[in-house]
């Protein structure tokens, strides 16, 4: 099983990006997928997750309303749409497969992608 993130890059504040998490070796439709961010000099933290019923949970308030999750079964992928990006959204973004709970805790996830860099700067 392998997860691969893509879609990161440099964007100005207020801009948007869509990150992709593509899987091989497993059908994502039946898996819980979480997204995490590791900001420079900080620990990795949970952002949100989507469960197998397509119910989404957010770890905090900062991203809710700006970030949305979706699936594409045909492409075996999960997407993180990020709008109104802020400099504090900068970091390496990871998707992971595990169990989607309210806390979006790293400890609930076993399989991780390699990450994609997002930089929000003018």
N, C-alpha and C. Protein backbone atom coordinates (compact mmCIF):
# COMPACT_ATOMS: atom_id res chain seq x y z
N UNK A 1 0.85 -1.19 0.00
CA UNK A 1 0.00 0.00 0.00
C UNK A 1 0.89 1.24 0.00
N UNK A 2 0.55 2.17 -0.86
CA UNK A 2 1.34 3.40 -0.96
C UNK A 2 0.41 4.58 -1.17
N UNK A 3 0.72 5.69 -0.49
CA UNK A 3 0.00 6.95 -0.67
C UNK A 3 0.98 7.98 -1.23
N UNK A 4 0.52 8.76 -2.20
CA UNK A 4 1.37 9.77 -2.81
C UNK A 4 0.60 11.09 -2.87
N UNK A 5 1.16 12.12 -2.21
CA UNK A 5 0.56 13.45 -2.26
C UNK A 5 1.13 14.25 -3.42
N UNK A 6 0.32 15.16 -3.93
CA UNK A 6 0.77 16.08 -4.96
C UNK A 6 -0.09 17.33 -4.90
N UNK A 7 0.35 18.36 -5.62
CA UNK A 7 -0.44 19.58 -5.72
C UNK A 7 0.06 20.74 -4.90
N UNK A 8 1.12 20.53 -4.14
CA UNK A 8 1.66 21.63 -3.36
C UNK A 8 2.36 22.66 -4.23
N UNK A 9 2.74 23.77 -3.60
CA UNK A 9 3.45 24.81 -4.34
C UNK A 9 3.46 26.10 -3.57
N UNK A 10 3.83 27.16 -4.27
CA UNK A 10 3.88 28.51 -3.70
C UNK A 10 2.63 29.26 -4.13
N UNK A 11 1.95 29.86 -3.17
CA UNK A 11 0.72 30.59 -3.46
C UNK A 11 0.69 31.85 -2.60
N UNK A 12 0.07 32.89 -3.12
CA UNK A 12 -0.06 34.13 -2.36
C UNK A 12 -1.17 34.02 -1.32
N UNK A 13 -1.08 34.79 -0.26
CA UNK A 13 -2.18 34.80 0.71
C UNK A 13 -3.51 35.09 0.02
N UNK A 14 -4.54 34.35 0.43
CA UNK A 14 -5.85 34.47 -0.19
C UNK A 14 -6.06 33.53 -1.36
N UNK A 15 -4.99 32.89 -1.80
CA UNK A 15 -5.08 31.98 -2.93
C UNK A 15 -5.58 30.60 -2.54
N UNK A 16 -5.62 29.71 -3.53
CA UNK A 16 -6.14 28.35 -3.33
C UNK A 16 -5.18 27.32 -3.90
N UNK A 17 -5.25 26.14 -3.32
CA UNK A 17 -4.55 24.97 -3.83
C UNK A 17 -5.43 23.76 -3.60
N UNK A 18 -5.26 22.76 -4.46
CA UNK A 18 -5.91 21.48 -4.23
C UNK A 18 -4.84 20.41 -4.15
N UNK A 19 -4.77 19.77 -3.01
CA UNK A 19 -3.82 18.68 -2.82
C UNK A 19 -4.51 17.35 -3.13
N UNK A 20 -3.75 16.44 -3.71
CA UNK A 20 -4.26 15.11 -4.04
C UNK A 20 -3.51 14.06 -3.23
N UNK A 21 -4.24 13.04 -2.87
CA UNK A 21 -3.67 11.88 -2.19
C UNK A 21 -4.11 10.67 -3.00
N UNK A 22 -3.18 10.12 -3.77
CA UNK A 22 -3.47 8.98 -4.63
C UNK A 22 -2.94 7.71 -3.99
N UNK A 23 -3.70 6.63 -4.14
CA UNK A 23 -3.32 5.38 -3.49
C UNK A 23 -3.06 4.29 -4.51
N UNK A 24 -2.18 3.39 -4.13
CA UNK A 24 -1.98 2.15 -4.88
C UNK A 24 -1.97 1.01 -3.88
N UNK A 25 -2.54 -0.10 -4.31
CA UNK A 25 -2.57 -1.28 -3.44
C UNK A 25 -3.75 -1.35 -2.50
N UNK A 26 -4.65 -0.35 -2.56
CA UNK A 26 -5.82 -0.33 -1.69
C UNK A 26 -6.88 0.55 -2.33
N UNK A 27 -8.16 0.21 -2.10
CA UNK A 27 -9.23 1.05 -2.59
C UNK A 27 -9.55 2.09 -1.51
N UNK A 28 -9.29 3.36 -1.81
CA UNK A 28 -9.49 4.41 -0.82
C UNK A 28 -10.96 4.59 -0.45
N UNK A 29 -11.85 4.15 -1.30
CA UNK A 29 -13.28 4.35 -1.04
C UNK A 29 -13.68 3.80 0.32
N UNK A 30 -12.98 2.76 0.77
CA UNK A 30 -13.38 2.10 2.02
C UNK A 30 -12.46 2.45 3.18
N UNK A 31 -11.62 3.46 2.98
CA UNK A 31 -10.64 3.81 3.99
C UNK A 31 -10.89 5.20 4.56
N UNK A 32 -10.49 5.37 5.82
CA UNK A 32 -10.46 6.70 6.42
C UNK A 32 -9.12 7.34 6.08
N UNK A 33 -9.19 8.59 5.63
CA UNK A 33 -7.99 9.32 5.23
C UNK A 33 -7.90 10.62 6.01
N UNK A 34 -6.74 10.89 6.55
CA UNK A 34 -6.51 12.13 7.27
C UNK A 34 -5.47 12.97 6.57
N UNK A 35 -5.55 14.28 6.82
CA UNK A 35 -4.54 15.22 6.31
C UNK A 35 -3.87 15.89 7.51
N UNK A 36 -2.56 16.04 7.36
CA UNK A 36 -1.75 16.59 8.43
C UNK A 36 -0.81 17.64 7.87
N UNK A 37 -0.35 18.52 8.72
CA UNK A 37 0.57 19.57 8.31
C UNK A 37 1.72 19.62 9.31
N UNK A 38 2.91 19.79 8.78
CA UNK A 38 4.08 20.03 9.63
C UNK A 38 4.68 21.37 9.22
N UNK A 39 4.45 22.37 10.07
CA UNK A 39 4.99 23.69 9.82
C UNK A 39 6.48 23.71 10.19
N UNK A 40 7.25 24.65 9.61
CA UNK A 40 8.68 24.71 9.91
C UNK A 40 8.94 24.82 11.41
N UNK A 41 9.76 23.93 11.93
CA UNK A 41 10.13 23.96 13.33
C UNK A 41 9.06 23.48 14.31
N UNK A 42 7.98 22.93 13.77
CA UNK A 42 6.89 22.48 14.64
C UNK A 42 6.60 21.00 14.41
N UNK A 43 5.83 20.44 15.33
CA UNK A 43 5.44 19.05 15.21
C UNK A 43 4.31 18.90 14.18
N UNK A 44 4.23 17.71 13.63
CA UNK A 44 3.14 17.42 12.71
C UNK A 44 1.81 17.45 13.46
N UNK A 45 0.80 18.05 12.84
CA UNK A 45 -0.51 18.16 13.49
C UNK A 45 -1.62 17.77 12.53
N UNK A 46 -2.70 17.26 13.08
CA UNK A 46 -3.85 16.86 12.27
C UNK A 46 -4.68 18.07 11.86
N UNK A 47 -5.19 18.01 10.63
CA UNK A 47 -6.06 19.08 10.12
C UNK A 47 -7.50 18.58 10.05
N UNK A 48 -7.70 17.55 9.28
CA UNK A 48 -9.05 17.01 9.09
C UNK A 48 -8.95 15.59 8.56
N UNK A 49 -10.10 14.95 8.49
CA UNK A 49 -10.14 13.59 7.98
C UNK A 49 -11.51 13.30 7.40
N UNK A 50 -11.55 12.27 6.56
CA UNK A 50 -12.80 11.83 5.95
C UNK A 50 -12.93 10.34 6.17
N UNK A 51 -14.10 9.90 6.64
CA UNK A 51 -14.25 8.48 6.91
C UNK A 51 -14.89 7.77 5.72
N UNK A 52 -15.10 6.48 5.85
CA UNK A 52 -15.59 5.67 4.73
C UNK A 52 -17.05 6.01 4.36
N UNK A 53 -17.74 6.72 5.25
CA UNK A 53 -19.10 7.21 4.94
C UNK A 53 -19.06 8.63 4.40
N UNK A 54 -17.85 9.13 4.14
CA UNK A 54 -17.64 10.49 3.62
C UNK A 54 -18.03 11.57 4.62
N UNK A 55 -18.03 11.23 5.89
CA UNK A 55 -18.22 12.22 6.94
C UNK A 55 -16.85 12.81 7.27
N UNK A 56 -16.79 14.14 7.35
CA UNK A 56 -15.51 14.80 7.60
C UNK A 56 -15.46 15.38 9.01
N UNK A 57 -14.28 15.42 9.55
CA UNK A 57 -14.04 15.98 10.87
C UNK A 57 -12.85 16.91 10.80
N UNK A 58 -12.87 17.97 11.56
CA UNK A 58 -11.78 18.92 11.63
C UNK A 58 -11.22 18.95 13.04
N UNK A 59 -9.89 18.99 13.12
CA UNK A 59 -9.24 19.02 14.43
C UNK A 59 -9.41 20.36 15.11
N UNK A 60 -9.50 21.43 14.34
CA UNK A 60 -9.61 22.76 14.93
C UNK A 60 -10.52 23.64 14.10
N UNK A 61 -10.63 24.91 14.50
CA UNK A 61 -11.55 25.84 13.84
C UNK A 61 -10.89 26.59 12.68
N UNK A 62 -9.56 26.66 12.68
CA UNK A 62 -8.87 27.54 11.74
C UNK A 62 -9.13 27.17 10.29
N UNK A 63 -9.19 25.86 10.00
CA UNK A 63 -9.33 25.42 8.62
C UNK A 63 -10.79 25.17 8.21
N UNK A 64 -11.65 24.95 9.19
CA UNK A 64 -13.05 24.66 8.83
C UNK A 64 -13.65 25.89 8.17
N UNK A 65 -14.29 25.67 7.05
CA UNK A 65 -14.83 26.78 6.27
C UNK A 65 -13.91 27.21 5.14
N UNK A 66 -12.62 26.86 5.26
CA UNK A 66 -11.66 27.18 4.19
C UNK A 66 -11.20 25.91 3.46
N UNK A 67 -11.13 24.80 4.18
CA UNK A 67 -10.64 23.54 3.62
C UNK A 67 -11.80 22.57 3.47
N UNK A 68 -11.83 21.84 2.37
CA UNK A 68 -12.83 20.80 2.18
C UNK A 68 -12.16 19.53 1.66
N UNK A 69 -12.78 18.40 1.98
CA UNK A 69 -12.29 17.08 1.57
C UNK A 69 -13.27 16.47 0.58
N UNK A 70 -12.72 15.70 -0.35
CA UNK A 70 -13.58 14.98 -1.29
C UNK A 70 -12.86 13.74 -1.77
N UNK A 71 -13.64 12.84 -2.37
CA UNK A 71 -13.07 11.61 -2.94
C UNK A 71 -13.39 11.53 -4.42
N UNK A 72 -12.52 10.85 -5.14
CA UNK A 72 -12.79 10.47 -6.53
C UNK A 72 -12.51 8.97 -6.62
N UNK A 73 -13.58 8.20 -6.62
CA UNK A 73 -13.40 6.75 -6.61
C UNK A 73 -12.71 6.27 -7.88
N UNK A 74 -13.03 6.86 -9.01
CA UNK A 74 -12.44 6.43 -10.28
C UNK A 74 -10.93 6.63 -10.30
N UNK A 75 -10.48 7.70 -9.64
CA UNK A 75 -9.04 7.99 -9.60
C UNK A 75 -8.39 7.45 -8.33
N UNK A 76 -9.22 6.82 -7.47
CA UNK A 76 -8.71 6.25 -6.23
C UNK A 76 -7.91 7.29 -5.45
N UNK A 77 -8.52 8.45 -5.31
CA UNK A 77 -7.84 9.58 -4.69
C UNK A 77 -8.75 10.32 -3.72
N UNK A 78 -8.11 11.01 -2.79
CA UNK A 78 -8.79 11.93 -1.88
C UNK A 78 -8.15 13.30 -2.09
N UNK A 79 -8.98 14.34 -2.04
CA UNK A 79 -8.50 15.68 -2.31
C UNK A 79 -8.73 16.59 -1.11
N UNK A 80 -7.79 17.50 -0.92
CA UNK A 80 -7.92 18.55 0.08
C UNK A 80 -7.92 19.88 -0.66
N UNK A 81 -9.09 20.49 -0.75
CA UNK A 81 -9.22 21.80 -1.38
C UNK A 81 -8.99 22.86 -0.32
N UNK A 82 -8.02 23.73 -0.56
CA UNK A 82 -7.67 24.75 0.42
C UNK A 82 -7.89 26.12 -0.20
N UNK A 83 -8.77 26.89 0.40
CA UNK A 83 -9.09 28.24 -0.07
C UNK A 83 -8.69 29.28 0.97
N UNK A 84 -8.58 30.53 0.51
CA UNK A 84 -8.24 31.64 1.40
C UNK A 84 -7.01 31.29 2.25
N UNK A 85 -5.97 30.84 1.58
CA UNK A 85 -4.79 30.40 2.29
C UNK A 85 -4.10 31.55 3.02
N UNK A 86 -3.52 31.23 4.16
CA UNK A 86 -2.85 32.19 5.02
C UNK A 86 -1.40 31.78 5.20
N UNK A 87 -0.52 32.71 5.53
CA UNK A 87 0.89 32.33 5.74
C UNK A 87 1.05 31.23 6.78
N UNK A 88 0.18 31.19 7.76
CA UNK A 88 0.30 30.15 8.80
C UNK A 88 -0.11 28.77 8.30
N UNK A 89 -0.62 28.69 7.08
CA UNK A 89 -0.92 27.38 6.48
C UNK A 89 0.34 26.76 5.86
N UNK A 90 1.43 27.48 5.84
CA UNK A 90 2.67 26.97 5.26
C UNK A 90 3.17 25.73 5.99
N UNK A 91 3.63 24.75 5.23
CA UNK A 91 4.17 23.54 5.81
C UNK A 91 4.17 22.40 4.82
N UNK A 92 4.62 21.26 5.29
CA UNK A 92 4.55 20.03 4.49
C UNK A 92 3.24 19.33 4.85
N UNK A 93 2.47 19.02 3.83
CA UNK A 93 1.17 18.38 4.02
C UNK A 93 1.27 16.89 3.70
N UNK A 94 0.73 16.11 4.61
CA UNK A 94 0.75 14.66 4.48
C UNK A 94 -0.67 14.10 4.49
N UNK A 95 -0.90 13.09 3.69
CA UNK A 95 -2.12 12.31 3.86
C UNK A 95 -1.73 10.98 4.49
N UNK A 96 -2.68 10.38 5.19
CA UNK A 96 -2.41 9.13 5.87
C UNK A 96 -3.69 8.31 5.96
N UNK A 97 -3.52 7.02 6.07
CA UNK A 97 -4.65 6.09 6.16
C UNK A 97 -4.73 5.54 7.57
N UNK A 98 -5.94 5.60 8.15
CA UNK A 98 -6.07 5.12 9.51
C UNK A 98 -7.51 5.17 9.96
N UNK A 99 -7.75 5.80 11.12
CA UNK A 99 -9.09 5.90 11.68
C UNK A 99 -9.42 7.38 11.91
N UNK A 100 -10.51 7.81 11.30
CA UNK A 100 -10.91 9.23 11.39
C UNK A 100 -11.72 9.45 12.65
N UNK A 101 -11.16 10.25 13.56
CA UNK A 101 -11.86 10.61 14.80
C UNK A 101 -11.83 12.13 14.96
N UNK A 102 -12.52 12.61 15.98
CA UNK A 102 -12.61 14.05 16.22
C UNK A 102 -11.25 14.68 16.46
N UNK A 103 -10.33 13.92 17.02
CA UNK A 103 -9.03 14.49 17.38
C UNK A 103 -8.05 14.54 16.22
N UNK A 104 -8.30 13.77 15.15
CA UNK A 104 -7.37 13.67 14.01
C UNK A 104 -5.94 13.51 14.54
N UNK A 105 -5.74 12.46 15.30
CA UNK A 105 -4.46 12.21 15.97
C UNK A 105 -3.53 11.38 15.10
N UNK A 106 -2.24 11.77 15.10
CA UNK A 106 -1.24 11.03 14.33
C UNK A 106 -1.24 9.55 14.73
N UNK A 107 -1.55 9.28 15.99
CA UNK A 107 -1.42 7.92 16.51
C UNK A 107 -2.48 6.98 15.92
N UNK A 108 -3.49 7.53 15.28
CA UNK A 108 -4.56 6.72 14.70
C UNK A 108 -4.29 6.36 13.25
N UNK A 109 -3.11 6.73 12.73
CA UNK A 109 -2.81 6.53 11.32
C UNK A 109 -1.54 5.72 11.15
N UNK A 110 -1.60 4.77 10.22
CA UNK A 110 -0.49 3.82 10.07
C UNK A 110 0.29 4.00 8.77
N UNK A 111 -0.38 4.35 7.71
CA UNK A 111 0.27 4.45 6.40
C UNK A 111 0.29 5.90 5.98
N UNK A 112 1.48 6.39 5.63
CA UNK A 112 1.69 7.80 5.34
C UNK A 112 2.29 8.01 3.95
N UNK A 113 1.92 9.14 3.35
CA UNK A 113 2.59 9.55 2.13
C UNK A 113 3.88 10.28 2.47
N UNK A 114 4.56 10.73 1.43
CA UNK A 114 5.87 11.37 1.61
C UNK A 114 5.76 12.86 1.86
N UNK A 115 4.59 13.44 1.62
CA UNK A 115 4.36 14.85 1.88
C UNK A 115 4.54 15.72 0.65
N UNK A 116 3.87 16.87 0.67
CA UNK A 116 4.02 17.86 -0.39
C UNK A 116 4.09 19.24 0.27
N UNK A 117 4.99 20.07 -0.23
CA UNK A 117 5.25 21.37 0.39
C UNK A 117 4.23 22.40 -0.08
N UNK A 118 3.67 23.13 0.88
CA UNK A 118 2.80 24.26 0.59
C UNK A 118 3.43 25.49 1.23
N UNK A 119 3.63 26.52 0.44
CA UNK A 119 4.19 27.77 0.94
C UNK A 119 3.24 28.90 0.58
N UNK A 120 2.79 29.61 1.61
CA UNK A 120 1.89 30.74 1.40
C UNK A 120 2.66 32.01 1.73
N UNK A 121 2.95 32.78 0.70
CA UNK A 121 3.78 33.96 0.88
C UNK A 121 3.56 34.93 -0.26
N UNK A 122 3.69 36.21 0.06
CA UNK A 122 3.59 37.23 -0.97
C UNK A 122 4.98 37.59 -1.51
